[in-house]
Amino acid sequence: METNLPLVAELLNVTVFSATLLLGLAALATGIGFALLGGKFIDGASRQPELTPMLQTKMFIIAGLLDAVPMIGVAIALLLLFANPMLKILGVQ
């Protein structure tokens, strides 16, 4: 089966760009999310100090869920980089 090398090269270039964009946006969104979460926690704790332990517990639960988003992005980026399903369509793998 004959492969089209320029098409494969273009696919790999687009894949690397897509993975880079995916990781960068995931990191940016997580940073913004943590900043908003921390700000709201400090705001809530300063308004009602007696609720600080409850707010802190909830903040850490949400922080764990928020941290899962870039991990999913890392998994998808690694899949695209090392086991690209599009290469099977082109007949390379």
Protein backbone atom coordinates (compact mmCIF):
# COMPACT_ATOMS: atom_id res chain seq x y z
CA MET A 1 0.00 0.00 0.00
CA GLU A 2 1.43 3.35 -1.05
CA THR A 3 1.57 6.13 1.54
CA ASN A 4 1.40 9.80 0.77
CA LEU A 5 4.38 11.20 2.70
CA PRO A 6 3.54 14.92 2.41
CA LEU A 7 0.06 14.19 3.76
CA VAL A 8 1.51 12.19 6.67
CA ALA A 9 3.97 14.99 7.44
CA GLU A 10 1.18 17.56 7.40
CA LEU A 11 -0.93 15.38 9.70
CA LEU A 12 1.94 15.07 12.16
CA ASN A 13 2.51 18.84 12.10
CA VAL A 14 -1.16 19.52 12.78
CA THR A 15 -1.16 16.89 15.52
CA VAL A 16 1.78 18.48 17.34
CA PHE A 17 0.19 21.92 17.05
CA SER A 18 -3.14 20.57 18.32
CA ALA A 19 -1.54 18.82 21.29
CA THR A 20 0.40 21.97 22.18
CA LEU A 21 -2.74 24.08 21.95
CA LEU A 22 -4.67 21.56 24.04
CA LEU A 23 -2.09 21.53 26.81
CA GLY A 24 -1.67 25.30 26.82
CA LEU A 25 -5.40 26.02 27.01
CA ALA A 26 -5.88 23.39 29.71
CA ALA A 27 -3.13 24.98 31.80
CA LEU A 28 -4.55 28.46 31.24
CA ALA A 29 -8.08 27.42 32.15
CA THR A 30 -6.89 25.62 35.26
CA GLY A 31 -4.90 28.65 36.38
CA ILE A 32 -7.92 30.91 35.93
CA GLY A 33 -10.12 28.39 37.73
CA PHE A 34 -7.78 28.13 40.71
CA ALA A 35 -7.51 31.91 40.91
CA LEU A 36 -11.29 32.31 40.96
CA LEU A 37 -11.68 29.46 43.44
CA GLY A 38 -9.08 30.89 45.82
CA GLY A 39 -10.54 34.37 45.57
CA LYS A 40 -14.06 33.19 46.33
CA PHE A 41 -12.78 31.11 49.25
CA ILE A 42 -10.96 34.07 50.78
CA ASP A 43 -14.01 36.26 50.21
CA GLY A 44 -16.33 33.74 51.87
CA ALA A 45 -13.95 33.09 54.75
CA SER A 46 -13.53 36.79 55.44
CA ARG A 47 -17.29 37.38 55.44
CA GLN A 48 -18.10 34.46 57.76
CA PRO A 49 -15.00 33.22 59.60
CA GLU A 50 -16.95 30.59 61.51
CA LEU A 51 -17.65 28.74 58.24
CA THR A 52 -13.99 28.59 57.18
CA PRO A 53 -13.46 24.85 57.89
CA MET A 54 -16.55 23.89 55.87
CA LEU A 55 -15.59 26.23 53.03
CA GLN A 56 -12.03 24.92 53.04
CA THR A 57 -13.21 21.32 52.74
CA LYS A 58 -15.45 22.20 49.81
CA MET A 59 -12.68 24.24 48.22
CA PHE A 60 -10.29 21.25 48.28
CA ILE A 61 -12.94 18.96 46.77
CA ILE A 62 -13.55 21.41 43.94
CA ALA A 63 -9.78 21.91 43.51
CA GLY A 64 -9.37 18.17 43.02
CA LEU A 65 -12.10 18.12 40.40
CA LEU A 66 -10.62 21.19 38.74
CA ASP A 67 -7.23 19.52 38.62
CA ALA A 68 -8.70 16.57 36.72
CA VAL A 69 -9.40 18.71 33.65
CA PRO A 70 -5.76 19.21 32.56
CA MET A 71 -4.98 15.56 33.35
CA ILE A 72 -7.63 14.52 30.82
CA GLY A 73 -6.07 16.99 28.38
CA VAL A 74 -2.62 15.46 28.95
CA ALA A 75 -4.03 11.99 28.28
CA ILE A 76 -5.65 13.10 25.04
CA ALA A 77 -2.50 14.93 23.93
CA LEU A 78 -0.36 11.85 24.62
CA LEU A 79 -2.82 9.71 22.67
CA LEU A 80 -2.60 12.06 19.71
CA LEU A 81 1.19 12.25 19.83
CA PHE A 82 2.09 8.59 20.34
CA ALA A 83 -0.88 6.57 19.07
CA ASN A 84 -2.49 8.84 16.51
CA PRO A 85 -5.65 7.15 15.21
CA MET A 86 -5.56 9.26 12.04
CA LEU A 87 -2.39 7.52 10.89
CA LYS A 88 -4.33 4.26 10.60
CA ILE A 89 -6.69 5.96 8.16
CA LEU A 90 -3.69 6.92 6.01
CA GLY A 91 -2.36 3.37 6.22
CA VAL A 92 0.87 4.20 8.08
CA GLN A 93 0.43 2.09 11.21
